[in-house]
Amino acid sequence: MKIVLTVVTFYRFSLCFCELARKEILNHLLNSSKYDARIAPNYEEDRATNVTLQLHIMSINSINEMAMDLSMEVFLRQTWVDPRLNFERLSNFSNLELDQRMMGSVWIPDTYFPNEKEGHFHVITVPNRLLHISRNGTVFYSIRLSLTLTCRMNLYNYPMDEQNCPVFIETYGYTEENVLFNWKPVNAVIVDEVEMPQFHFREEPSIKKCTRTFKYSSVASFTCLTTTLHLQRNIGYYMAQVFIPSILIVILSWVSFWVHVDAIPARISLGVLTVLTITTQSSGIRATLPRVSYVKAIDVWNSMCLLFVFAALLEYAYINVQTRRHQKSMLKDTLMNVQASHPLMNSKGEAPVRCIDVRKTIGVREIDYLKTARTVDKVSRVAFPIAFIIFNTVFWTYYMYASDHLSE
């Protein structure tokens, strides 16, 4: 019984000793006169502190072409060695986990994102960050962020475009003499299974180390890292909402070639309706895109579709005008010849044989002009579809395969 009590007492004493030991270690490290959180770890040694970074992208919430930015949620993880926090001689603990209220007592790199438009920390239910100190003085610092970053998009091939959106990470105040950034050797950028409605990853994010130079009172160089997200737009939405409806509207405009030339209301209504529909669709697409100075693929498509439906309307206008012009000219010439040679009515009020022949002549010539109009319609029934097929072949070949350089 005495042995059991002795073991329990020793166990309780050990737990208390461990708790006190951790507290005493932290007090010794952070409250010591040798430690100053305002100074970089290797500042007094006149060398730069190497900071290793890892970026974990949990989600990409939106990609906005109008504002040319993307919003995402990330974990930013930083690791560096601070010799002043080495506690190997003080304890056998593997690491020390600091509370939120104690993190301000430890030096942390002044990391920021140069191309950030908006950003905030997550604080529900507590600030989402952690800081661990290993026995040899290695500090691991992780923080959860929501960022909206600038992404200058090239929309020449829109909506068959590929976008390369960079993420820059840099020190704000420390030059390369005091702090150097490096990517983690393995898994520097981790991307979860991100689901985006309009994009997918074309390839793994690329990483690079860089240096940014600014001229203040003197030339200063700052360490920086960059990773580029390679995105490919999903064309399925645009096929269902833009391209297929446009194709059907163009085909609908060809129905007028089968309508009789004398059915003026039907052919005019059909032509005007298709023109207005294409125009309205183009306006809706332009409203969601920035007003860039160059021509996009979607602009070429909408313009050509508008040209096809407008040409179908002009085709009817042409044959209608030509038919009426020839009819009026023919009637005028015939009546002038008749009046010059014969009276229109005899003494009994009957049309002479000459007038009857004139009516027959007019009827025959009118039939000839109707045949000419129908011939134009028959040619259009073949020419318009062939021209539209040729346009589609050139358009899709060029923008899907032959113009990759425009997205670079």
Protein backbone atom coordinates (compact mmCIF):
# COMPACT_ATOMS: atom_id res chain seq x y z
CA MET A 1 0.00 0.00 0.00
CA LYS A 2 2.85 2.35 0.87
CA ILE A 3 4.51 1.54 -2.44
CA VAL A 4 1.35 2.46 -4.42
CA LEU A 5 1.01 5.77 -2.53
CA THR A 6 4.64 6.52 -3.18
CA VAL A 7 4.24 5.90 -6.94
CA VAL A 8 1.10 8.09 -7.14
CA THR A 9 2.77 10.86 -5.19
CA PHE A 10 5.85 10.70 -7.43
CA TYR A 11 3.62 10.77 -10.57
CA ARG A 12 1.74 13.84 -9.35
CA PHE A 13 4.99 15.51 -8.43
CA SER A 14 6.37 14.74 -11.88
CA LEU A 15 3.35 16.31 -13.61
CA CYS A 16 3.65 19.46 -11.52
CA PHE A 17 7.38 19.54 -12.23
CA CYS A 18 6.73 19.26 -15.99
CA GLU A 19 4.19 22.09 -15.93
CA LEU A 20 6.48 24.29 -13.92
CA ALA A 21 9.37 23.37 -16.16
CA ARG A 22 7.54 24.50 -19.29
CA LYS A 23 6.51 27.74 -17.66
CA GLU A 24 9.97 28.35 -16.33
CA ILE A 25 11.48 27.61 -19.75
CA LEU A 26 9.23 30.12 -21.47
CA ASN A 27 9.91 32.73 -18.79
CA HIS A 28 13.61 32.10 -19.11
CA LEU A 29 13.59 32.34 -22.93
CA LEU A 30 11.18 35.21 -23.51
CA ASN A 31 11.77 37.37 -20.45
CA SER A 32 15.52 37.11 -20.54
CA SER A 33 17.52 40.27 -21.09
CA LYS A 34 19.24 38.49 -23.99
CA TYR A 35 16.02 38.14 -26.00
CA ASP A 36 14.44 41.08 -27.83
CA ALA A 37 11.45 40.34 -30.09
CA ARG A 38 12.11 43.58 -31.98
CA ILE A 39 15.40 42.27 -33.41
CA ALA A 40 15.87 39.55 -36.04
CA PRO A 41 17.48 36.32 -34.72
CA ASN A 42 20.83 36.77 -36.49
CA TYR A 43 20.93 40.55 -36.50
CA GLU A 44 23.81 40.81 -34.03
CA GLU A 45 25.76 38.20 -35.99
CA ASP A 46 25.53 40.41 -39.08
CA ARG A 47 23.94 37.71 -41.26
CA ALA A 48 20.53 37.09 -42.72
CA THR A 49 17.91 34.86 -41.11
CA ASN A 50 16.68 32.17 -43.50
CA VAL A 51 12.92 31.77 -43.45
CA THR A 52 11.34 28.75 -45.20
CA LEU A 53 7.78 29.20 -46.48
CA GLN A 54 4.99 26.87 -47.48
CA LEU A 55 1.67 27.96 -48.98
CA HIS A 56 -1.34 25.69 -48.54
CA ILE A 57 -4.26 26.76 -50.76
CA MET A 58 -7.47 25.40 -49.29
CA SER A 59 -9.96 27.00 -51.67
CA ILE A 60 -10.28 29.51 -54.51
CA ASN A 61 -13.57 31.24 -53.92
CA SER A 62 -13.90 33.36 -57.04
CA ILE A 63 -12.11 34.62 -60.13
CA ASN A 64 -13.41 37.98 -61.34
CA GLU A 65 -12.63 39.02 -64.92
CA MET A 66 -14.20 42.46 -64.47
CA ALA A 67 -12.01 43.34 -61.46
CA MET A 68 -9.16 41.08 -62.65
CA ASP A 69 -8.57 39.42 -59.30
CA LEU A 70 -9.02 36.11 -57.52
CA SER A 71 -10.03 35.33 -53.94
CA MET A 72 -8.69 32.38 -52.02
CA GLU A 73 -8.24 30.96 -48.53
CA VAL A 74 -4.75 29.81 -47.53
CA PHE A 75 -2.52 28.62 -44.72
CA LEU A 76 0.79 30.49 -44.71
CA ARG A 77 3.45 28.46 -42.87
CA GLN A 78 6.87 29.90 -42.00
CA THR A 79 9.85 28.20 -40.37
CA TRP A 80 13.12 29.73 -39.17
CA VAL A 81 15.81 29.12 -36.55
CA ASP A 82 16.16 31.53 -33.65
CA PRO A 83 19.29 30.53 -31.63
CA ARG A 84 18.09 32.63 -28.72
CA LEU A 85 15.16 30.21 -28.21
CA ASN A 86 17.31 27.07 -27.98
CA PHE A 87 16.37 25.15 -24.80
CA GLU A 88 18.19 21.84 -25.36
CA ARG A 89 20.15 22.29 -22.12
CA LEU A 90 17.09 23.17 -20.10
CA SER A 91 14.70 20.32 -20.84
CA ASN A 92 13.97 17.21 -22.88
CA PHE A 93 10.65 18.55 -24.21
CA SER A 94 10.39 18.23 -27.99
CA ASN A 95 8.65 21.58 -28.46
CA LEU A 96 6.81 24.40 -26.74
CA GLU A 97 3.36 25.49 -27.93
CA LEU A 98 2.67 29.15 -27.31
CA ASP A 99 -0.70 30.63 -26.44
CA GLN A 100 -2.18 33.38 -28.60
CA ARG A 101 -1.38 35.98 -25.96
CA MET A 102 2.30 35.01 -25.88
CA MET A 103 2.97 35.07 -29.63
CA GLY A 104 3.64 38.79 -29.55
CA SER A 105 6.69 38.09 -27.42
CA VAL A 106 8.44 36.20 -30.24
CA TRP A 107 10.07 37.72 -33.33
CA ILE A 108 8.07 37.02 -36.50
CA PRO A 109 9.00 37.97 -40.11
CA ASP A 110 7.12 40.95 -41.57
CA THR A 111 5.69 38.92 -44.45
CA TYR A 112 3.14 40.48 -46.80
CA PHE A 113 1.58 39.95 -50.25
CA PRO A 114 2.48 42.79 -52.67
CA ASN A 115 -0.37 42.03 -55.10
CA GLU A 116 -3.01 41.82 -52.37
CA LYS A 117 -6.11 43.97 -52.90
CA GLU A 118 -7.97 42.78 -49.80
CA GLY A 119 -7.27 40.39 -46.96
CA HIS A 120 -8.22 39.50 -43.43
CA PHE A 121 -7.29 37.15 -40.60
CA HIS A 122 -9.70 34.55 -39.31
CA VAL A 123 -10.57 35.09 -35.65
CA ILE A 124 -13.52 32.75 -35.05
CA THR A 125 -13.58 31.54 -32.38
CA VAL A 126 -10.00 32.56 -31.64
CA PRO A 127 -7.27 33.96 -33.95
CA ASN A 128 -6.40 31.13 -36.35
CA ARG A 129 -2.65 30.97 -35.87
CA LEU A 130 -0.13 28.82 -34.03
CA LEU A 131 3.50 29.06 -33.00
CA HIS A 132 5.68 26.14 -31.92
CA ILE A 133 9.28 26.34 -30.68
CA SER A 134 11.49 23.25 -31.05
CA ARG A 135 14.38 22.32 -28.74
CA ASN A 136 17.03 23.60 -31.14
CA GLY A 137 15.32 26.98 -31.50
CA THR A 138 13.39 26.23 -34.71
CA VAL A 139 10.20 28.29 -34.81
CA PHE A 140 7.16 27.11 -36.76
CA TYR A 141 4.51 29.77 -37.39
CA SER A 142 1.24 29.15 -39.24
CA ILE A 143 -1.63 31.52 -39.94
CA ARG A 144 -4.91 31.26 -41.83
CA LEU A 145 -5.70 34.05 -44.30
CA SER A 146 -8.36 35.06 -46.81
CA LEU A 147 -6.85 37.02 -49.70
CA THR A 148 -8.04 38.84 -52.80
CA LEU A 149 -5.07 39.11 -55.16
CA THR A 150 -4.59 41.03 -58.38
CA CYS A 151 -4.40 38.84 -61.49
CA ARG A 152 -3.80 40.67 -64.75
CA MET A 153 -5.74 38.53 -67.22
CA ASN A 154 -5.18 38.20 -70.94
CA LEU A 155 -8.61 37.86 -72.54
CA TYR A 156 -7.64 37.57 -76.22
CA ASN A 157 -8.88 33.96 -76.29
CA TYR A 158 -11.88 34.42 -73.97
CA PRO A 159 -13.68 32.09 -73.27
CA MET A 160 -11.08 29.55 -74.50
CA ASP A 161 -8.40 31.33 -72.49
CA GLU A 162 -5.74 30.21 -70.04
CA GLN A 163 -4.78 32.47 -67.14
CA ASN A 164 -1.56 32.60 -65.13
CA CYS A 165 -2.22 34.24 -61.77
CA PRO A 166 0.85 35.00 -59.62
CA VAL A 167 1.06 35.12 -55.83
CA PHE A 168 3.92 37.28 -54.53
CA ILE A 169 5.28 36.96 -50.99
CA GLU A 170 7.79 39.47 -49.71
CA THR A 171 9.26 41.09 -46.61
CA TYR A 172 8.06 44.62 -46.06
CA GLY A 173 10.81 46.15 -43.95
CA TYR A 174 13.75 43.73 -43.76
CA THR A 175 16.22 43.82 -46.64
CA GLU A 176 18.17 40.81 -47.86
CA GLU A 177 20.89 41.65 -45.35
CA ASN A 178 18.57 40.63 -42.51
CA VAL A 179 15.97 38.19 -43.91
CA LEU A 180 16.02 35.72 -46.80
CA PHE A 181 12.96 33.79 -47.99
CA ASN A 182 13.15 30.28 -49.43
CA TRP A 183 10.49 27.85 -50.56
CA LYS A 184 10.16 24.60 -48.69
CA PRO A 185 12.17 21.96 -50.63
CA VAL A 186 9.21 19.56 -50.82
CA ASN A 187 5.54 20.49 -51.23
CA ALA A 188 6.24 24.20 -51.29
CA VAL A 189 2.73 24.92 -52.61
CA ILE A 190 -0.09 22.56 -51.69
CA VAL A 191 -3.43 22.82 -53.45
CA ASP A 192 -6.41 20.95 -52.06
CA GLU A 193 -9.02 19.49 -54.38
CA VAL A 194 -10.29 22.93 -55.29
CA GLU A 195 -13.56 23.06 -57.22
CA MET A 196 -14.07 26.17 -59.33
CA PRO A 197 -17.20 26.70 -61.45
CA GLN A 198 -15.38 28.14 -64.48
CA PHE A 199 -11.75 27.06 -64.14
CA HIS A 200 -9.55 24.06 -63.47
CA PHE A 201 -5.81 23.74 -62.88
CA ARG A 202 -3.97 23.18 -66.14
CA GLU A 203 -0.81 22.10 -64.31
CA GLU A 204 0.81 22.24 -60.90
CA PRO A 205 1.65 25.72 -59.57
CA SER A 206 5.17 26.83 -60.46
CA ILE A 207 7.45 28.43 -57.86
CA LYS A 208 10.31 30.87 -58.12
CA LYS A 209 12.60 32.91 -55.92
CA CYS A 210 13.08 36.58 -56.75
CA THR A 211 14.47 39.89 -55.53
CA ARG A 212 12.68 43.23 -55.65
CA THR A 213 14.70 46.41 -55.66
CA PHE A 214 13.36 49.77 -54.50
CA LYS A 215 15.03 53.15 -54.32
CA TYR A 216 14.38 55.06 -51.13
CA SER A 217 17.18 57.12 -49.63
CA SER A 218 19.39 54.39 -51.09
CA VAL A 219 18.89 51.30 -53.23
CA ALA A 220 17.40 48.47 -51.14
CA SER A 221 16.82 44.87 -52.20
CA PHE A 222 14.11 42.76 -50.61
CA THR A 223 13.73 39.01 -50.77
CA CYS A 224 10.57 37.67 -52.35
CA LEU A 225 8.95 34.45 -53.51
CA THR A 226 6.40 33.87 -56.22
CA THR A 227 4.11 31.03 -57.20
CA THR A 228 1.99 31.04 -60.33
CA LEU A 229 -1.40 29.36 -60.61
CA HIS A 230 -2.00 28.01 -64.12
CA LEU A 231 -5.73 28.03 -64.79
CA GLN A 232 -7.74 26.78 -67.78
CA ARG A 233 -11.28 28.06 -68.31
CA ASN A 234 -14.03 25.47 -68.61
CA ILE A 235 -15.84 26.09 -71.88
CA GLY A 236 -18.90 23.94 -71.08
CA TYR A 237 -20.93 26.85 -69.68
CA TYR A 238 -20.25 29.01 -72.73
CA MET A 239 -21.10 26.21 -75.12
CA ALA A 240 -24.51 25.82 -73.48
CA GLN A 241 -25.24 29.52 -72.93
CA VAL A 242 -23.52 31.29 -75.83
CA PHE A 243 -22.25 29.22 -78.75
CA ILE A 244 -25.05 26.70 -79.26
CA PRO A 245 -27.84 29.33 -78.91
CA SER A 246 -25.97 31.58 -81.37
CA ILE A 247 -25.67 28.74 -83.87
CA LEU A 248 -29.39 28.00 -83.59
CA ILE A 249 -30.28 31.67 -84.10
CA VAL A 250 -28.13 31.83 -87.23
CA ILE A 251 -29.77 28.66 -88.57
CA LEU A 252 -33.18 30.17 -87.75
CA SER A 253 -32.38 33.16 -89.95
CA TRP A 254 -31.95 30.78 -92.92
CA VAL A 255 -35.61 29.69 -92.67
CA SER A 256 -36.52 32.87 -94.56
CA PHE A 257 -34.92 31.39 -97.70
CA TRP A 258 -37.79 28.85 -97.79
CA VAL A 259 -40.53 31.45 -97.28
CA HIS A 260 -42.20 32.85 -100.42
CA VAL A 261 -40.85 36.17 -101.62
CA ASP A 262 -44.31 37.75 -101.39
CA ALA A 263 -44.64 36.88 -97.67
CA ILE A 264 -43.17 40.22 -96.66
CA PRO A 265 -44.31 40.33 -92.97
CA ALA A 266 -43.05 36.81 -92.28
CA ARG A 267 -39.59 37.31 -93.79
CA ILE A 268 -39.04 40.79 -92.34
CA SER A 269 -40.17 39.70 -88.86
CA LEU A 270 -37.91 36.66 -88.91
CA GLY A 271 -34.88 38.68 -90.01
CA VAL A 272 -35.38 41.49 -87.51
CA LEU A 273 -36.03 39.05 -84.67
CA THR A 274 -32.78 37.13 -85.22
CA VAL A 275 -30.76 40.36 -85.49
CA LEU A 276 -32.19 41.72 -82.23
CA THR A 277 -31.64 38.39 -80.45
CA ILE A 278 -27.95 38.25 -81.40
CA THR A 279 -27.49 41.91 -80.43
CA THR A 280 -29.10 41.36 -77.03
CA GLN A 281 -26.97 38.28 -76.38
CA SER A 282 -23.79 40.18 -77.26
CA SER A 283 -24.71 43.04 -74.94
CA GLY A 284 -25.24 40.64 -72.04
CA ILE A 285 -21.82 39.07 -72.54
CA ARG A 286 -20.03 42.42 -72.80
CA ALA A 287 -21.61 43.56 -69.53
CA THR A 288 -19.67 40.89 -67.60
CA LEU A 289 -16.26 41.70 -69.13
CA PRO A 290 -13.83 44.61 -68.70
CA ARG A 291 -13.64 47.20 -71.47
CA VAL A 292 -10.32 46.16 -72.91
CA SER A 293 -8.91 47.76 -76.06
CA TYR A 294 -8.33 44.53 -77.99
CA VAL A 295 -10.69 42.14 -79.75
CA LYS A 296 -11.59 38.97 -77.84
CA ALA A 297 -12.58 35.62 -79.30
CA ILE A 298 -16.15 36.07 -78.08
CA ASP A 299 -16.28 39.44 -79.89
CA VAL A 300 -15.27 37.79 -83.15
CA TRP A 301 -17.92 35.10 -82.67
CA ASN A 302 -20.75 37.52 -81.87
CA SER A 303 -19.79 39.87 -84.68
CA MET A 304 -19.77 37.10 -87.27
CA CYS A 305 -23.08 35.67 -86.05
CA LEU A 306 -24.58 39.15 -86.28
CA LEU A 307 -23.14 39.50 -89.78
CA PHE A 308 -24.73 36.21 -90.90
CA VAL A 309 -28.22 37.02 -89.62
CA PHE A 310 -27.98 40.57 -90.97
CA ALA A 311 -26.86 39.23 -94.36
CA ALA A 312 -29.91 36.95 -94.42
CA LEU A 313 -32.12 39.98 -93.85
CA LEU A 314 -30.31 41.94 -96.56
CA GLU A 315 -30.73 39.03 -98.97
CA TYR A 316 -34.50 39.34 -98.78
CA ALA A 317 -34.34 43.11 -98.95
CA TYR A 318 -32.28 42.81 -102.13
CA ILE A 319 -34.57 40.41 -103.99
CA ASN A 320 -37.66 42.32 -102.83
CA VAL A 321 -36.34 45.66 -104.03
CA GLN A 322 -35.09 44.23 -107.32
CA THR A 323 -38.39 42.47 -108.01
CA ARG A 324 -40.50 45.56 -107.33
CA ARG A 325 -38.16 47.80 -109.31
CA HIS A 326 -38.33 45.55 -112.37
CA GLN A 327 -42.09 45.20 -112.06
CA LYS A 328 -42.64 48.97 -111.99
CA SER A 329 -40.21 49.59 -114.84
CA MET A 330 -41.74 46.83 -116.94
CA LEU A 331 -45.30 48.05 -116.35
CA LYS A 332 -44.39 51.63 -117.14
CA ASP A 333 -42.62 50.79 -120.39
CA THR A 334 -45.39 48.47 -121.57
CA LEU A 335 -48.19 50.98 -120.91
CA MET A 336 -46.31 53.76 -122.71
CA ASN A 337 -45.87 51.55 -125.78
CA VAL A 338 -49.54 50.51 -125.75
CA GLN A 339 -50.83 54.08 -125.43
CA ALA A 340 -48.66 55.18 -128.31
CA SER A 341 -49.98 52.52 -130.71
CA HIS A 342 -53.49 51.41 -129.67
CA PRO A 343 -56.35 52.59 -127.45
CA LEU A 344 -56.79 50.77 -124.18
CA MET A 345 -60.59 50.28 -124.81
CA ASN A 346 -62.65 49.94 -127.98
CA SER A 347 -66.06 51.57 -128.66
CA LYS A 348 -67.86 48.70 -126.97
CA GLY A 349 -65.82 49.06 -123.76
CA GLU A 350 -63.84 45.91 -124.42
CA ALA A 351 -60.10 45.52 -124.31
CA PRO A 352 -58.65 44.99 -127.74
CA VAL A 353 -56.53 42.04 -128.58
CA ARG A 354 -53.36 44.12 -128.15
CA CYS A 355 -54.16 44.84 -124.47
CA ILE A 356 -54.86 41.22 -123.82
CA ASP A 357 -51.44 40.37 -125.24
CA VAL A 358 -49.87 43.04 -123.01
CA ARG A 359 -51.40 41.48 -119.92
CA LYS A 360 -50.05 38.11 -120.94
CA THR A 361 -46.62 39.64 -121.53
CA ILE A 362 -46.64 41.30 -118.11
CA GLY A 363 -47.66 38.04 -116.47
CA VAL A 364 -44.89 36.14 -118.21
CA ARG A 365 -42.22 38.68 -117.30
CA GLU A 366 -43.44 38.78 -113.69
CA ILE A 367 -43.06 35.04 -113.50
CA ASP A 368 -39.53 35.40 -114.83
CA TYR A 369 -38.63 37.83 -112.06
CA LEU A 370 -40.14 35.54 -109.42
CA LYS A 371 -38.02 32.73 -110.77
CA THR A 372 -34.94 34.95 -110.47
CA ALA A 373 -35.84 35.75 -106.84
CA ARG A 374 -36.35 32.10 -106.07
CA THR A 375 -33.01 31.30 -107.67
CA VAL A 376 -31.31 33.76 -105.31
CA ASP A 377 -33.05 32.06 -102.38
CA LYS A 378 -31.94 28.62 -103.62
CA VAL A 379 -28.33 29.79 -103.89
CA SER A 380 -28.53 31.31 -100.40
CA ARG A 381 -29.80 28.02 -98.98
CA VAL A 382 -26.46 26.48 -99.91
CA ALA A 383 -24.06 29.43 -99.73
CA PHE A 384 -24.95 30.59 -96.21
CA PRO A 385 -24.51 27.18 -94.49
CA ILE A 386 -21.23 26.54 -96.33
CA ALA A 387 -19.88 29.96 -95.37
CA PHE A 388 -20.92 29.42 -91.73
CA ILE A 389 -19.23 26.01 -91.65
CA ILE A 390 -16.03 27.52 -93.04
CA PHE A 391 -16.13 30.28 -90.42
CA ASN A 392 -16.60 27.74 -87.62
CA THR A 393 -13.70 25.64 -88.87
CA VAL A 394 -11.34 28.62 -88.97
CA PHE A 395 -12.58 30.06 -85.68
CA TRP A 396 -12.30 26.93 -83.56
CA THR A 397 -9.01 25.85 -85.15
CA TYR A 398 -7.39 29.21 -84.54
CA TYR A 399 -8.60 29.91 -81.02
CA MET A 400 -8.33 26.36 -79.70
CA TYR A 401 -4.97 25.36 -81.15
CA ALA A 402 -3.16 27.99 -83.19
CA SER A 403 -3.15 30.99 -80.82
CA ASP A 404 -1.74 29.64 -77.55
CA HIS A 405 0.84 32.43 -77.55
CA LEU A 406 -1.90 35.00 -76.95
CA SER A 407 -2.51 33.60 -73.45
CA GLU A 408 1.11 33.83 -72.38
